Amino acid sequence: MVRPRPTVVAGVLQRVVDQALRDGVRLDAMRRAARLPPALTGDPGRRVEFDHLIDLWTYLGHTLDDPSLPLRVAQAAVIEDLHVLGFAMMTAPSVRDALDTIARFGALLTDSGRWEVTETARRVHLRWYRMRPLTLGHRLSNETAVAQGLGCLRRIAGADVTPVEVTFRHSAPPRRAGHSAFFDCSVRFDAPHDGLSFHREILDAEPPSANRTLWEYLCGSAKALSEQLAPRSVVDAVQQEIVRELSSASGGIPSLPCVARVLGTTERTLRRRLEAEGTSFRRLVEDVRRERAGSLLRGEAASVTEVALQLGFSDTTAFSHACRRWFGSAPRALRGSLRAAAEPDPSLPR
């Protein structure tokens, strides 16, 4: 069974193109590099392949070499650009309801990842989960998603809303002044997840445009639109649950029954659906751990022991055996080769 490629609303791609044009990048060059569709404007619900967005970000990352580019794309966006999803968030009775809205209907923008809201005694965490390798294009796209999440929240709850902390899974860019200025808080890289953390009190704030009746109507429209989308691959859904569990405070590898329960199905049905897509739960756990091992070892914040624990290994010996099986080398040797490979290629266009 061929897995459907994740898609993204064309307007998301158009906002990146618009900012690049303002920065002097030629449209024909972007079209060649990212195989852009002939027209991106017109139908606000039109969806294009997610690979176009990643290819565009990769090209711009090499061409402009500007770590603040994702933040400037986010600053240029407005919540009204999100159409029914944006208006539903604006009319939500509380910030809690607005965050719940983006978590429920975020697939209206892209089904390449998802938002999740979790609460603790003092904090609320808005986290962006996307099970993709942390290539240059994916890193820039993830930064834009998190920055736009804050932009939407500032539009809903006030321009002075400031996170307690912002985290990214990838390593820090060489220049970070733009990140400090935009987020106005601690920004931590090489973290277990991408997302924003706030004081819990923000959840009870009432947006200026709050209108429960209109919000409920718009949520109904968003639900209907969501149901029209192509079903998400069960493989993507399971991978994202594995990533979420690995990134949680408790850590550990989720069980098949646990994931089936979260996805609203039975263990037997989930196993059968995975077999229909040519894989198994055990293989997906292995794939996710391997991908995250490479991402975490590429960074500098976590030691090899900490990486092993984050991936659910009981000790570094078990982790070392897994790395040799996955990559053919021990964790420390792999870390050195991954960092060397991440160095920019001087032959690439600037």
C-alpha atoms as a PDB file:
ATOM      1  CA  MET A   1       0.000   0.000   0.000  1.00  0.00           C
ATOM      2  CA  VAL A   2       1.422   3.390  -1.010  1.00  0.00           C
ATOM      3  CA  ARG A   3       1.426   5.871   1.827  1.00  0.00           C
ATOM      4  CA  PRO A   4      -0.039   9.293   0.889  1.00  0.00           C
ATOM      5  CA  ARG A   5       2.410  12.174   0.962  1.00  0.00           C
ATOM      6  CA  PRO A   6       1.660  14.762   3.631  1.00  0.00           C
ATOM      7  CA  THR A   7       0.182  17.955   2.286  1.00  0.00           C
ATOM      8  CA  VAL A   8       0.157  21.623   3.214  1.00  0.00           C
ATOM      9  CA  VAL A   9      -2.187  24.493   2.373  1.00  0.00           C
ATOM     10  CA  ALA A  10      -0.781  26.447  -0.577  1.00  0.00           C
ATOM     11  CA  GLY A  11      -0.991  29.706   1.376  1.00  0.00           C
ATOM     12  CA  VAL A  12       1.714  28.466   3.770  1.00  0.00           C
ATOM     13  CA  LEU A  13       4.066  28.046   0.824  1.00  0.00           C
ATOM     14  CA  GLN A  14       3.050  31.413  -0.630  1.00  0.00           C
ATOM     15  CA  ARG A  15       4.018  33.270   2.576  1.00  0.00           C
ATOM     16  CA  VAL A  16       7.542  31.853   2.363  1.00  0.00           C
ATOM     17  CA  VAL A  17       7.775  32.824  -1.307  1.00  0.00           C
ATOM     18  CA  ASP A  18       6.562  36.359  -0.563  1.00  0.00           C
ATOM     19  CA  GLN A  19       9.213  36.898   2.113  1.00  0.00           C
ATOM     20  CA  ALA A  20      11.945  35.517  -0.141  1.00  0.00           C
ATOM     21  CA  LEU A  21      10.876  37.899  -2.913  1.00  0.00           C
ATOM     22  CA  ARG A  22      11.175  40.802  -0.458  1.00  0.00           C
ATOM     23  CA  ASP A  23      14.672  39.565   0.309  1.00  0.00           C
ATOM     24  CA  GLY A  24      15.619  39.686  -3.357  1.00  0.00           C
ATOM     25  CA  VAL A  25      15.373  36.012  -4.307  1.00  0.00           C
ATOM     26  CA  ARG A  26      14.215  35.460  -7.872  1.00  0.00           C
ATOM     27  CA  LEU A  27      10.908  33.662  -8.343  1.00  0.00           C
ATOM     28  CA  ASP A  28      12.195  31.590 -11.272  1.00  0.00           C
ATOM     29  CA  ALA A  29      15.067  30.322  -9.107  1.00  0.00           C
ATOM     30  CA  MET A  30      12.631  29.287  -6.393  1.00  0.00           C
ATOM     31  CA  ARG A  31      10.398  27.572  -8.920  1.00  0.00           C
ATOM     32  CA  ARG A  32      13.311  25.500 -10.229  1.00  0.00           C
ATOM     33  CA  ALA A  33      14.694  24.630  -6.790  1.00  0.00           C
ATOM     34  CA  ALA A  34      11.381  23.664  -5.173  1.00  0.00           C
ATOM     35  CA  ARG A  35       9.373  22.617  -8.256  1.00  0.00           C
ATOM     36  CA  LEU A  36       6.717  25.127  -7.215  1.00  0.00           C
ATOM     37  CA  PRO A  37       3.212  24.738  -8.675  1.00  0.00           C
ATOM     38  CA  PRO A  38       2.321  27.352 -11.326  1.00  0.00           C
ATOM     39  CA  ALA A  39      -0.053  29.259  -9.014  1.00  0.00           C
ATOM     40  CA  LEU A  40      -0.280  29.285  -5.220  1.00  0.00           C
ATOM     41  CA  THR A  41      -2.995  31.874  -4.681  1.00  0.00           C
ATOM     42  CA  GLY A  42      -6.713  31.658  -5.428  1.00  0.00           C
ATOM     43  CA  ASP A  43      -8.364  28.781  -3.617  1.00  0.00           C
ATOM     44  CA  PRO A  44      -7.489  29.175   0.114  1.00  0.00           C
ATOM     45  CA  GLY A  45      -8.107  25.475   0.740  1.00  0.00           C
ATOM     46  CA  ARG A  46      -5.903  24.208  -2.071  1.00  0.00           C
ATOM     47  CA  ARG A  47      -3.265  21.773  -0.853  1.00  0.00           C
ATOM     48  CA  VAL A  48       0.152  20.997  -2.314  1.00  0.00           C
ATOM     49  CA  GLU A  49       2.767  18.374  -1.527  1.00  0.00           C
ATOM     50  CA  PHE A  50       4.704  19.081   1.638  1.00  0.00           C
ATOM     51  CA  ASP A  51       7.978  18.300  -0.165  1.00  0.00           C
ATOM     52  CA  HIS A  52       7.621  21.566  -2.119  1.00  0.00           C
ATOM     53  CA  LEU A  53       7.733  23.525   1.140  1.00  0.00           C
ATOM     54  CA  ILE A  54      10.754  21.615   2.453  1.00  0.00           C
ATOM     55  CA  ASP A  55      12.637  21.966  -0.834  1.00  0.00           C
ATOM     56  CA  LEU A  56      11.930  25.709  -0.816  1.00  0.00           C
ATOM     57  CA  TRP A  57      13.164  26.106   2.775  1.00  0.00           C
ATOM     58  CA  THR A  58      16.308  24.123   1.947  1.00  0.00           C
ATOM     59  CA  TYR A  59      17.072  26.330  -1.041  1.00  0.00           C
ATOM     60  CA  LEU A  60      16.457  29.556   0.880  1.00  0.00           C
ATOM     61  CA  GLY A  61      18.480  28.324   3.847  1.00  0.00           C
ATOM     62  CA  HIS A  62      21.522  27.876   1.630  1.00  0.00           C
ATOM     63  CA  THR A  63      20.895  30.928  -0.554  1.00  0.00           C
ATOM     64  CA  LEU A  64      20.125  33.575   2.099  1.00  0.00           C
ATOM     65  CA  ASP A  65      22.036  32.061   5.041  1.00  0.00           C
ATOM     66  CA  ASP A  66      19.835  34.097   7.414  1.00  0.00           C
ATOM     67  CA  PRO A  67      18.794  32.336  10.656  1.00  0.00           C
ATOM     68  CA  SER A  68      16.103  34.963  11.235  1.00  0.00           C
ATOM     69  CA  LEU A  69      14.255  34.152   7.982  1.00  0.00           C
ATOM     70  CA  PRO A  70      11.708  31.763   9.600  1.00  0.00           C
ATOM     71  CA  LEU A  71      10.928  34.407  12.210  1.00  0.00           C
ATOM     72  CA  ARG A  72      10.378  37.081   9.567  1.00  0.00           C
ATOM     73  CA  VAL A  73       8.040  34.762   7.663  1.00  0.00           C
ATOM     74  CA  ALA A  74       6.106  34.239  10.891  1.00  0.00           C
ATOM     75  CA  GLN A  75       5.984  37.979  11.628  1.00  0.00           C
ATOM     76  CA  ALA A  76       4.504  38.691   8.188  1.00  0.00           C
ATOM     77  CA  ALA A  77       1.684  36.180   8.719  1.00  0.00           C
ATOM     78  CA  VAL A  78      -1.627  37.146  10.302  1.00  0.00           C
ATOM     79  CA  ILE A  79      -4.106  34.852  11.997  1.00  0.00           C
ATOM     80  CA  GLU A  80      -6.764  35.740   9.414  1.00  0.00           C
ATOM     81  CA  ASP A  81      -4.573  33.899   6.866  1.00  0.00           C
ATOM     82  CA  LEU A  82      -5.646  30.673   8.577  1.00  0.00           C
ATOM     83  CA  HIS A  83      -9.227  31.242   7.391  1.00  0.00           C
ATOM     84  CA  VAL A  84     -11.820  29.194   9.322  1.00  0.00           C
ATOM     85  CA  LEU A  85      -9.166  27.890  11.738  1.00  0.00           C
ATOM     86  CA  GLY A  86      -7.890  31.391  12.458  1.00  0.00           C
ATOM     87  CA  PHE A  87     -11.344  32.852  13.008  1.00  0.00           C
ATOM     88  CA  ALA A  88     -12.278  29.940  15.260  1.00  0.00           C
ATOM     89  CA  MET A  89      -9.218  30.625  17.410  1.00  0.00           C
ATOM     90  CA  MET A  90      -9.985  34.362  17.546  1.00  0.00           C
ATOM     91  CA  THR A  91     -13.573  33.820  18.709  1.00  0.00           C
ATOM     92  CA  ALA A  92     -12.762  31.111  21.272  1.00  0.00           C
ATOM     93  CA  PRO A  93     -14.208  31.825  24.751  1.00  0.00           C
ATOM     94  CA  SER A  94     -10.763  31.472  26.354  1.00  0.00           C
ATOM     95  CA  VAL A  95      -7.121  30.965  25.443  1.00  0.00           C
ATOM     96  CA  ARG A  96      -7.527  27.357  26.591  1.00  0.00           C
ATOM     97  CA  ASP A  97     -10.273  26.888  24.003  1.00  0.00           C
ATOM     98  CA  ALA A  98      -8.169  28.604  21.336  1.00  0.00           C
ATOM     99  CA  LEU A  99      -5.247  26.253  21.963  1.00  0.00           C
ATOM    100  CA  ASP A 100      -7.594  23.285  21.934  1.00  0.00           C
ATOM    101  CA  THR A 101      -8.895  24.486  18.563  1.00  0.00           C
ATOM    102  CA  ILE A 102      -5.452  24.522  16.922  1.00  0.00           C
ATOM    103  CA  ALA A 103      -4.685  21.103  18.416  1.00  0.00           C
ATOM    104  CA  ARG A 104      -7.965  19.646  17.073  1.00  0.00           C
ATOM    105  CA  PHE A 105      -7.969  21.195  13.626  1.00  0.00           C
ATOM    106  CA  GLY A 106      -4.328  21.935  12.815  1.00  0.00           C
ATOM    107  CA  ALA A 107      -4.480  19.436   9.958  1.00  0.00           C
ATOM    108  CA  LEU A 108      -6.450  22.053   8.024  1.00  0.00           C
ATOM    109  CA  LEU A 109      -3.053  23.732   7.489  1.00  0.00           C
ATOM    110  CA  THR A 110      -0.852  20.663   7.169  1.00  0.00           C
ATOM    111  CA  ASP A 111      -1.052  17.001   8.035  1.00  0.00           C
ATOM    112  CA  SER A 112       2.751  16.708   8.215  1.00  0.00           C
ATOM    113  CA  GLY A 113       2.634  17.196  11.979  1.00  0.00           C
ATOM    114  CA  ARG A 114       0.342  18.131  14.830  1.00  0.00           C
ATOM    115  CA  TRP A 115       0.019  20.451  17.821  1.00  0.00           C
ATOM    116  CA  GLU A 116      -0.523  19.145  21.325  1.00  0.00           C
ATOM    117  CA  VAL A 117      -1.420  21.057  24.498  1.00  0.00           C
ATOM    118  CA  THR A 118      -0.451  19.716  27.920  1.00  0.00           C
ATOM    119  CA  GLU A 119      -0.932  21.303  31.341  1.00  0.00           C
ATOM    120  CA  THR A 120       1.036  20.962  34.559  1.00  0.00           C
ATOM    121  CA  ALA A 121       0.481  22.641  37.914  1.00  0.00           C
ATOM    122  CA  ARG A 122       2.235  25.830  36.800  1.00  0.00           C
ATOM    123  CA  ARG A 123       2.796  25.604  33.062  1.00  0.00           C
ATOM    124  CA  VAL A 124       0.990  24.975  29.805  1.00  0.00           C
ATOM    125  CA  HIS A 125       3.013  23.535  26.936  1.00  0.00           C
ATOM    126  CA  LEU A 126       2.131  23.978  23.262  1.00  0.00           C
ATOM    127  CA  ARG A 127       4.233  21.441  21.395  1.00  0.00           C
ATOM    128  CA  TRP A 128       4.707  20.801  17.709  1.00  0.00           C
ATOM    129  CA  TYR A 129       5.257  17.161  16.771  1.00  0.00           C
ATOM    130  CA  ARG A 130       6.538  16.316  13.308  1.00  0.00           C
ATOM    131  CA  MET A 131       8.171  12.953  12.710  1.00  0.00           C
ATOM    132  CA  ARG A 132      10.649  13.994  10.034  1.00  0.00           C
ATOM    133  CA  PRO A 133      14.470  13.988   9.823  1.00  0.00           C
ATOM    134  CA  LEU A 134      15.947  17.294  11.014  1.00  0.00           C
ATOM    135  CA  THR A 135      17.305  18.385   7.663  1.00  0.00           C
ATOM    136  CA  LEU A 136      17.910  22.075   6.999  1.00  0.00           C
ATOM    137  CA  GLY A 137      14.502  22.450   5.355  1.00  0.00           C
ATOM    138  CA  HIS A 138      12.670  20.729   8.193  1.00  0.00           C
ATOM    139  CA  ARG A 139      14.504  22.752  10.851  1.00  0.00           C
ATOM    140  CA  LEU A 140      13.533  26.051   9.223  1.00  0.00           C
ATOM    141  CA  SER A 141       9.954  24.891   8.698  1.00  0.00           C
ATOM    142  CA  ASN A 142       9.661  23.809  12.345  1.00  0.00           C
ATOM    143  CA  GLU A 143      10.985  27.171  13.556  1.00  0.00           C
ATOM    144  CA  THR A 144       8.378  28.935  11.448  1.00  0.00           C
ATOM    145  CA  ALA A 145       5.588  26.749  12.846  1.00  0.00           C
ATOM    146  CA  VAL A 146       6.575  27.492  16.448  1.00  0.00           C
ATOM    147  CA  ALA A 147       7.031  31.211  15.759  1.00  0.00           C
ATOM    148  CA  GLN A 148       3.629  31.400  14.039  1.00  0.00           C
ATOM    149  CA  GLY A 149       2.097  29.598  16.993  1.00  0.00           C
ATOM    150  CA  LEU A 150       3.322  32.411  19.241  1.00  0.00           C
ATOM    151  CA  GLY A 151       2.153  35.003  16.725  1.00  0.00           C
ATOM    152  CA  CYS A 152      -1.365  33.557  16.793  1.00  0.00           C
ATOM    153  CA  LEU A 153      -1.377  33.518  20.586  1.00  0.00           C
ATOM    154  CA  ARG A 154      -0.263  37.151  20.734  1.00  0.00           C
ATOM    155  CA  ARG A 155      -3.072  38.070  18.338  1.00  0.00           C
ATOM    156  CA  ILE A 156      -5.555  36.252  20.583  1.00  0.00           C
ATOM    157  CA  ALA A 157      -4.317  37.111  24.081  1.00  0.00           C
ATOM    158  CA  GLY A 158      -2.360  40.333  23.581  1.00  0.00           C
ATOM    159  CA  ALA A 159       0.865  41.520  21.957  1.00  0.00           C
ATOM    160  CA  ASP A 160       2.696  41.395  25.293  1.00  0.00           C
ATOM    161  CA  VAL A 161       2.270  37.621  25.718  1.00  0.00           C
ATOM    162  CA  THR A 162       5.703  36.154  26.416  1.00  0.00           C
ATOM    163  CA  PRO A 163       6.570  32.465  26.750  1.00  0.00           C
ATOM    164  CA  VAL A 164       8.459  31.130  29.732  1.00  0.00           C
ATOM    165  CA  GLU A 165      10.614  29.085  27.373  1.00  0.00           C
ATOM    166  CA  VAL A 166      10.876  28.113  23.711  1.00  0.00           C
ATOM    167  CA  THR A 167      12.506  24.832  22.705  1.00  0.00           C
ATOM    168  CA  PHE A 168      13.730  23.332  19.445  1.00  0.00           C
ATOM    169  CA  ARG A 169      14.969  19.821  18.749  1.00  0.00           C
ATOM    170  CA  HIS A 170      17.683  20.979  16.351  1.00  0.00           C
ATOM    171  CA  SER A 171      21.024  22.575  17.166  1.00  0.00           C
ATOM    172  CA  ALA A 172      21.343  26.331  17.550  1.00  0.00           C
ATOM    173  CA  PRO A 173      22.016  28.422  14.424  1.00  0.00           C
ATOM    174  CA  PRO A 174      25.260  30.381  14.326  1.00  0.00           C
ATOM    175  CA  ARG A 175      23.429  33.669  14.995  1.00  0.00           C
ATOM    176  CA  ARG A 176      20.543  33.811  17.464  1.00  0.00           C
ATOM    177  CA  ALA A 177      19.874  37.512  18.055  1.00  0.00           C
ATOM    178  CA  GLY A 178      16.688  37.340  15.984  1.00  0.00           C
ATOM    179  CA  HIS A 179      15.334  34.481  18.077  1.00  0.00           C
ATOM    180  CA  SER A 180      15.960  36.324  21.347  1.00  0.00           C
ATOM    181  CA  ALA A 181      14.263  39.457  20.009  1.00  0.00           C
ATOM    182  CA  PHE A 182      11.223  37.648  18.598  1.00  0.00           C
ATOM    183  CA  PHE A 183      10.471  35.260  21.464  1.00  0.00           C
ATOM    184  CA  ASP A 184      11.689  37.585  24.258  1.00  0.00           C
ATOM    185  CA  CYS A 185      12.484  34.635  26.525  1.00  0.00           C
ATOM    186  CA  SER A 186      14.885  31.730  26.962  1.00  0.00           C
ATOM    187  CA  VAL A 187      15.320  29.777  23.713  1.00  0.00           C
ATOM    188  CA  ARG A 188      16.765  26.288  24.182  1.00  0.00           C
ATOM    189  CA  PHE A 189      18.094  24.184  21.326  1.00  0.00           C
ATOM    190  CA  ASP A 190      18.941  20.451  21.262  1.00  0.00           C
ATOM    191  CA  ALA A 191      15.777  19.973  23.323  1.00  0.00           C
ATOM    192  CA  PRO A 192      13.525  16.890  23.321  1.00  0.00           C
ATOM    193  CA  HIS A 193      10.730  18.687  21.458  1.00  0.00           C
ATOM    194  CA  ASP A 194       9.712  21.798  19.497  1.00  0.00           C
ATOM    195  CA  GLY A 195       7.319  24.100  21.290  1.00  0.00           C
ATOM    196  CA  LEU A 196       6.377  26.913  23.644  1.00  0.00           C
ATOM    197  CA  SER A 197       5.776  26.981  27.398  1.00  0.00           C
ATOM    198  CA  PHE A 198       3.693  29.592  29.241  1.00  0.00           C
ATOM    199  CA  HIS A 199       2.502  30.336  32.751  1.00  0.00           C
ATOM    200  CA  ARG A 200      -0.695  28.363  33.269  1.00  0.00           C
ATOM    201  CA  GLU A 201      -2.706  31.495  34.146  1.00  0.00           C
ATOM    202  CA  ILE A 202      -2.782  32.486  30.492  1.00  0.00           C
ATOM    203  CA  LEU A 203      -5.317  29.715  29.779  1.00  0.00           C
ATOM    204  CA  ASP A 204      -8.180  31.541  31.479  1.00  0.00           C
ATOM    205  CA  ALA A 205      -7.696  34.814  29.591  1.00  0.00           C
ATOM    206  CA  GLU A 206     -10.622  35.866  27.378  1.00  0.00           C
ATOM    207  CA  PRO A 207      -9.708  36.953  23.836  1.00  0.00           C
ATOM    208  CA  PRO A 208     -11.077  40.386  22.805  1.00  0.00           C
ATOM    209  CA  SER A 209     -13.067  38.739  19.980  1.00  0.00           C
ATOM    210  CA  ALA A 210     -14.497  35.941  22.147  1.00  0.00           C
ATOM    211  CA  ASN A 211     -17.920  34.795  20.954  1.00  0.00           C
ATOM    212  CA  ARG A 212     -18.923  31.310  22.061  1.00  0.00           C
ATOM    213  CA  THR A 213     -21.797  30.948  19.602  1.00  0.00           C
ATOM    214  CA  LEU A 214     -19.648  31.940  16.627  1.00  0.00           C
ATOM    215  CA  TRP A 215     -16.748  29.807  17.884  1.00  0.00           C
ATOM    216  CA  GLU A 216     -18.946  26.715  18.116  1.00  0.00           C
ATOM    217  CA  TYR A 217     -20.265  27.358  14.602  1.00  0.00           C
ATOM    218  CA  LEU A 218     -16.733  27.801  13.210  1.00  0.00           C
ATOM    219  CA  CYS A 219     -15.519  24.675  15.008  1.00  0.00           C
ATOM    220  CA  GLY A 220     -18.345  22.785  13.347  1.00  0.00           C
ATOM    221  CA  SER A 221     -17.186  24.088   9.965  1.00  0.00           C
ATOM    222  CA  ALA A 222     -13.581  23.162  10.790  1.00  0.00           C
ATOM    223  CA  LYS A 223     -14.657  19.655  11.753  1.00  0.00           C
ATOM    224  CA  ALA A 224     -16.551  19.215   8.495  1.00  0.00           C
ATOM    225  CA  LEU A 225     -13.556  20.409   6.485  1.00  0.00           C
ATOM    226  CA  SER A 226     -11.245  18.093   8.437  1.00  0.00           C
ATOM    227  CA  GLU A 227     -13.434  15.100   7.613  1.00  0.00           C
ATOM    228  CA  GLN A 228     -13.131  15.898   3.913  1.00  0.00           C
ATOM    229  CA  LEU A 229      -9.351  15.560   4.009  1.00  0.00           C
ATOM    230  CA  ALA A 230      -7.719  12.312   2.957  1.00  0.00           C
ATOM    231  CA  PRO A 231      -7.332   9.985   5.937  1.00  0.00           C
ATOM    232  CA  ARG A 232      -3.991  10.291   7.677  1.00  0.00           C
ATOM    233  CA  SER A 233      -1.711   7.304   7.215  1.00  0.00           C
ATOM    234  CA  VAL A 234      -1.859   5.049  10.254  1.00  0.00           C
ATOM    235  CA  VAL A 235       1.941   4.832  10.060  1.00  0.00           C
ATOM    236  CA  ASP A 236       2.241   8.609  10.502  1.00  0.00           C
ATOM    237  CA  ALA A 237      -0.219   8.529  13.391  1.00  0.00           C
ATOM    238  CA  VAL A 238       1.651   5.752  15.205  1.00  0.00           C
ATOM    239  CA  GLN A 239       5.033   7.395  14.609  1.00  0.00           C
ATOM    240  CA  GLN A 240       3.798  10.647  16.104  1.00  0.00           C
ATOM    241  CA  GLU A 241       2.510   8.855  19.199  1.00  0.00           C
ATOM    242  CA  ILE A 242       5.879   7.164  19.651  1.00  0.00           C
ATOM    243  CA  VAL A 243       7.633  10.537  19.283  1.00  0.00           C
ATOM    244  CA  ARG A 244       5.267  12.126  21.786  1.00  0.00           C
ATOM    245  CA  GLU A 245       5.897   9.414  24.355  1.00  0.00           C
ATOM    246  CA  LEU A 246       9.663   9.611  23.926  1.00  0.00           C
ATOM    247  CA  SER A 247       9.463  13.400  24.332  1.00  0.00           C
ATOM    248  CA  SER A 248       7.272  13.300  27.448  1.00  0.00           C
ATOM    249  CA  ALA A 249       8.573  13.878  30.950  1.00  0.00           C
ATOM    250  CA  SER A 250       8.114  10.211  31.841  1.00  0.00           C
ATOM    251  CA  GLY A 251       9.842   9.014  28.666  1.00  0.00           C
ATOM    252  CA  GLY A 252       9.918   5.383  27.681  1.00  0.00           C
ATOM    253  CA  ILE A 253       8.652   3.384  24.746  1.00  0.00           C
ATOM    254  CA  PRO A 254       4.853   3.181  24.459  1.00  0.00           C
ATOM    255  CA  SER A 255       3.200  -0.197  24.094  1.00  0.00           C
ATOM    256  CA  LEU A 256       1.031  -1.220  21.172  1.00  0.00           C
ATOM    257  CA  PRO A 257      -2.114  -1.388  23.359  1.00  0.00           C
ATOM    258  CA  CYS A 258      -1.382   2.121  24.667  1.00  0.00           C
ATOM    259  CA  VAL A 259      -1.018   3.595  21.171  1.00  0.00           C
ATOM    260  CA  ALA A 260      -4.134   1.772  19.955  1.00  0.00           C
ATOM    261  CA  ARG A 261      -6.115   3.252  22.851  1.00  0.00           C
ATOM    262  CA  VAL A 262      -4.884   6.793  22.071  1.00  0.00           C
ATOM    263  CA  LEU A 263      -5.833   6.375  18.398  1.00  0.00           C
ATOM    264  CA  GLY A 264      -9.268   5.100  19.324  1.00  0.00           C
ATOM    265  CA  THR A 265      -8.892   1.582  17.982  1.00  0.00           C
ATOM    266  CA  THR A 266      -8.067  -1.911  19.210  1.00  0.00           C
ATOM    267  CA  GLU A 267      -4.678  -3.579  19.378  1.00  0.00           C
ATOM    268  CA  ARG A 268      -5.741  -6.206  16.847  1.00  0.00           C
ATOM    269  CA  THR A 269      -7.098  -3.640  14.376  1.00  0.00           C
ATOM    270  CA  LEU A 270      -4.017  -1.426  14.655  1.00  0.00           C
ATOM    271  CA  ARG A 271      -1.699  -4.386  14.082  1.00  0.00           C
ATOM    272  CA  ARG A 272      -3.729  -5.389  11.017  1.00  0.00           C
ATOM    273  CA  ARG A 273      -3.666  -1.834   9.589  1.00  0.00           C
ATOM    274  CA  LEU A 274       0.093  -1.589  10.058  1.00  0.00           C
ATOM    275  CA  GLU A 275       0.540  -4.915   8.285  1.00  0.00           C
ATOM    276  CA  ALA A 276      -1.574  -3.563   5.413  1.00  0.00           C
ATOM    277  CA  GLU A 277       0.882  -0.661   5.102  1.00  0.00           C
ATOM    278  CA  GLY A 278       3.808  -3.062   5.029  1.00  0.00           C
ATOM    279  CA  THR A 279       5.227  -2.489   8.498  1.00  0.00           C
ATOM    280  CA  SER A 280       4.816  -3.356  12.181  1.00  0.00           C
ATOM    281  CA  PHE A 281       4.698  -1.545  15.499  1.00  0.00           C
ATOM    282  CA  ARG A 282       8.111  -2.914  16.493  1.00  0.00           C
ATOM    283  CA  ARG A 283       9.658  -1.689  13.244  1.00  0.00           C
ATOM    284  CA  LEU A 284       8.180   1.797  13.694  1.00  0.00           C
ATOM    285  CA  VAL A 285       9.571   2.024  17.229  1.00  0.00           C
ATOM    286  CA  GLU A 286      12.963   1.069  15.816  1.00  0.00           C
ATOM    287  CA  ASP A 287      12.672   3.669  13.026  1.00  0.00           C
ATOM    288  CA  VAL A 288      11.713   6.451  15.426  1.00  0.00           C
ATOM    289  CA  ARG A 289      14.506   5.645  17.881  1.00  0.00           C
ATOM    290  CA  ARG A 290      17.051   5.524  15.047  1.00  0.00           C
ATOM    291  CA  GLU A 291      15.916   8.878  13.619  1.00  0.00           C
ATOM    292  CA  ARG A 292      15.926  10.541  17.029  1.00  0.00           C
ATOM    293  CA  ALA A 293      19.315   9.049  17.883  1.00  0.00           C
ATOM    294  CA  GLY A 294      20.809  10.767  14.854  1.00  0.00           C
ATOM    295  CA  SER A 295      19.106  14.069  15.671  1.00  0.00           C
ATOM    296  CA  LEU A 296      20.099  14.049  19.348  1.00  0.00           C
ATOM    297  CA  LEU A 297      23.697  12.995  18.712  1.00  0.00           C
ATOM    298  CA  ARG A 298      24.044  15.748  16.124  1.00  0.00           C
ATOM    299  CA  GLY A 299      23.360  18.282  18.874  1.00  0.00           C
ATOM    300  CA  GLU A 300      25.618  19.309  21.708  1.00  0.00           C
ATOM    301  CA  ALA A 301      23.351  19.672  24.719  1.00  0.00           C
ATOM    302  CA  ALA A 302      22.852  16.016  25.678  1.00  0.00           C
ATOM    303  CA  SER A 303      25.561  13.540  26.624  1.00  0.00           C
ATOM    304  CA  VAL A 304      25.571  10.034  25.174  1.00  0.00           C
ATOM    305  CA  THR A 305      24.129   8.745  28.455  1.00  0.00           C
ATOM    306  CA  GLU A 306      21.336  11.331  28.358  1.00  0.00           C
ATOM    307  CA  VAL A 307      20.548  10.443  24.728  1.00  0.00           C
ATOM    308  CA  ALA A 308      20.339   6.767  25.652  1.00  0.00           C
ATOM    309  CA  LEU A 309      17.885   7.510  28.462  1.00  0.00           C
ATOM    310  CA  GLN A 310      15.777   9.805  26.262  1.00  0.00           C
ATOM    311  CA  LEU A 311      15.439   6.960  23.758  1.00  0.00           C
ATOM    312  CA  GLY A 312      14.270   4.527  26.425  1.00  0.00           C
ATOM    313  CA  PHE A 313      17.463   2.464  26.752  1.00  0.00           C
ATOM    314  CA  SER A 314      18.323   1.145  30.186  1.00  0.00           C
ATOM    315  CA  ASP A 315      22.049   1.906  29.804  1.00  0.00           C
ATOM    316  CA  THR A 316      24.667   3.121  27.338  1.00  0.00           C
ATOM    317  CA  THR A 317      25.754  -0.430  26.496  1.00  0.00           C
ATOM    318  CA  ALA A 318      22.338  -1.263  25.039  1.00  0.00           C
ATOM    319  CA  PHE A 319      22.339   2.076  23.211  1.00  0.00           C
ATOM    320  CA  SER A 320      25.807   1.420  21.815  1.00  0.00           C
ATOM    321  CA  HIS A 321      24.707  -1.970  20.458  1.00  0.00           C
ATOM    322  CA  ALA A 322      21.713  -0.306  18.805  1.00  0.00           C
ATOM    323  CA  CYS A 323      23.883   2.404  17.205  1.00  0.00           C
ATOM    324  CA  ARG A 324      26.228  -0.201  15.779  1.00  0.00           C
ATOM    325  CA  ARG A 325      23.224  -2.019  14.334  1.00  0.00           C
ATOM    326  CA  TRP A 326      21.677   1.171  12.909  1.00  0.00           C
ATOM    327  CA  PHE A 327      24.722   3.124  11.762  1.00  0.00           C
ATOM    328  CA  GLY A 328      27.694   0.785  11.946  1.00  0.00           C
ATOM    329  CA  SER A 329      29.530   2.799  14.602  1.00  0.00           C
ATOM    330  CA  ALA A 330      29.476   3.576  18.328  1.00  0.00           C
ATOM    331  CA  PRO A 331      27.582   6.662  19.603  1.00  0.00           C
ATOM    332  CA  ARG A 332      30.640   8.870  20.176  1.00  0.00           C
ATOM    333  CA  ALA A 333      32.127   8.093  16.773  1.00  0.00           C
ATOM    334  CA  LEU A 334      28.732   8.655  15.184  1.00  0.00           C
ATOM    335  CA  ARG A 335      28.393  12.024  16.942  1.00  0.00           C
ATOM    336  CA  GLY A 336      31.675  13.174  15.429  1.00  0.00           C
ATOM    337  CA  SER A 337      30.748  12.092  11.903  1.00  0.00           C
ATOM    338  CA  LEU A 338      27.262  13.650  12.117  1.00  0.00           C
ATOM    339  CA  ARG A 339      28.644  17.000  13.244  1.00  0.00           C
ATOM    340  CA  ALA A 340      31.242  16.946  10.485  1.00  0.00           C
ATOM    341  CA  ALA A 341      28.521  16.202   7.931  1.00  0.00           C
ATOM    342  CA  ALA A 342      26.451  19.122   9.245  1.00  0.00           C
ATOM    343  CA  GLU A 343      29.165  21.642   8.386  1.00  0.00           C
ATOM    344  CA  PRO A 344      28.113  23.841   5.430  1.00  0.00           C
ATOM    345  CA  ASP A 345      29.428  22.851   2.023  1.00  0.00           C
ATOM    346  CA  PRO A 346      31.421  25.805   0.600  1.00  0.00           C
ATOM    347  CA  SER A 347      30.517  24.686  -2.923  1.00  0.00           C
ATOM    348  CA  LEU A 348      26.806  25.325  -2.365  1.00  0.00           C
ATOM    349  CA  PRO A 349      25.364  28.602  -3.712  1.00  0.00           C
ATOM    350  CA  ARG A 350      25.040  31.459  -1.271  1.00  0.00           C
END
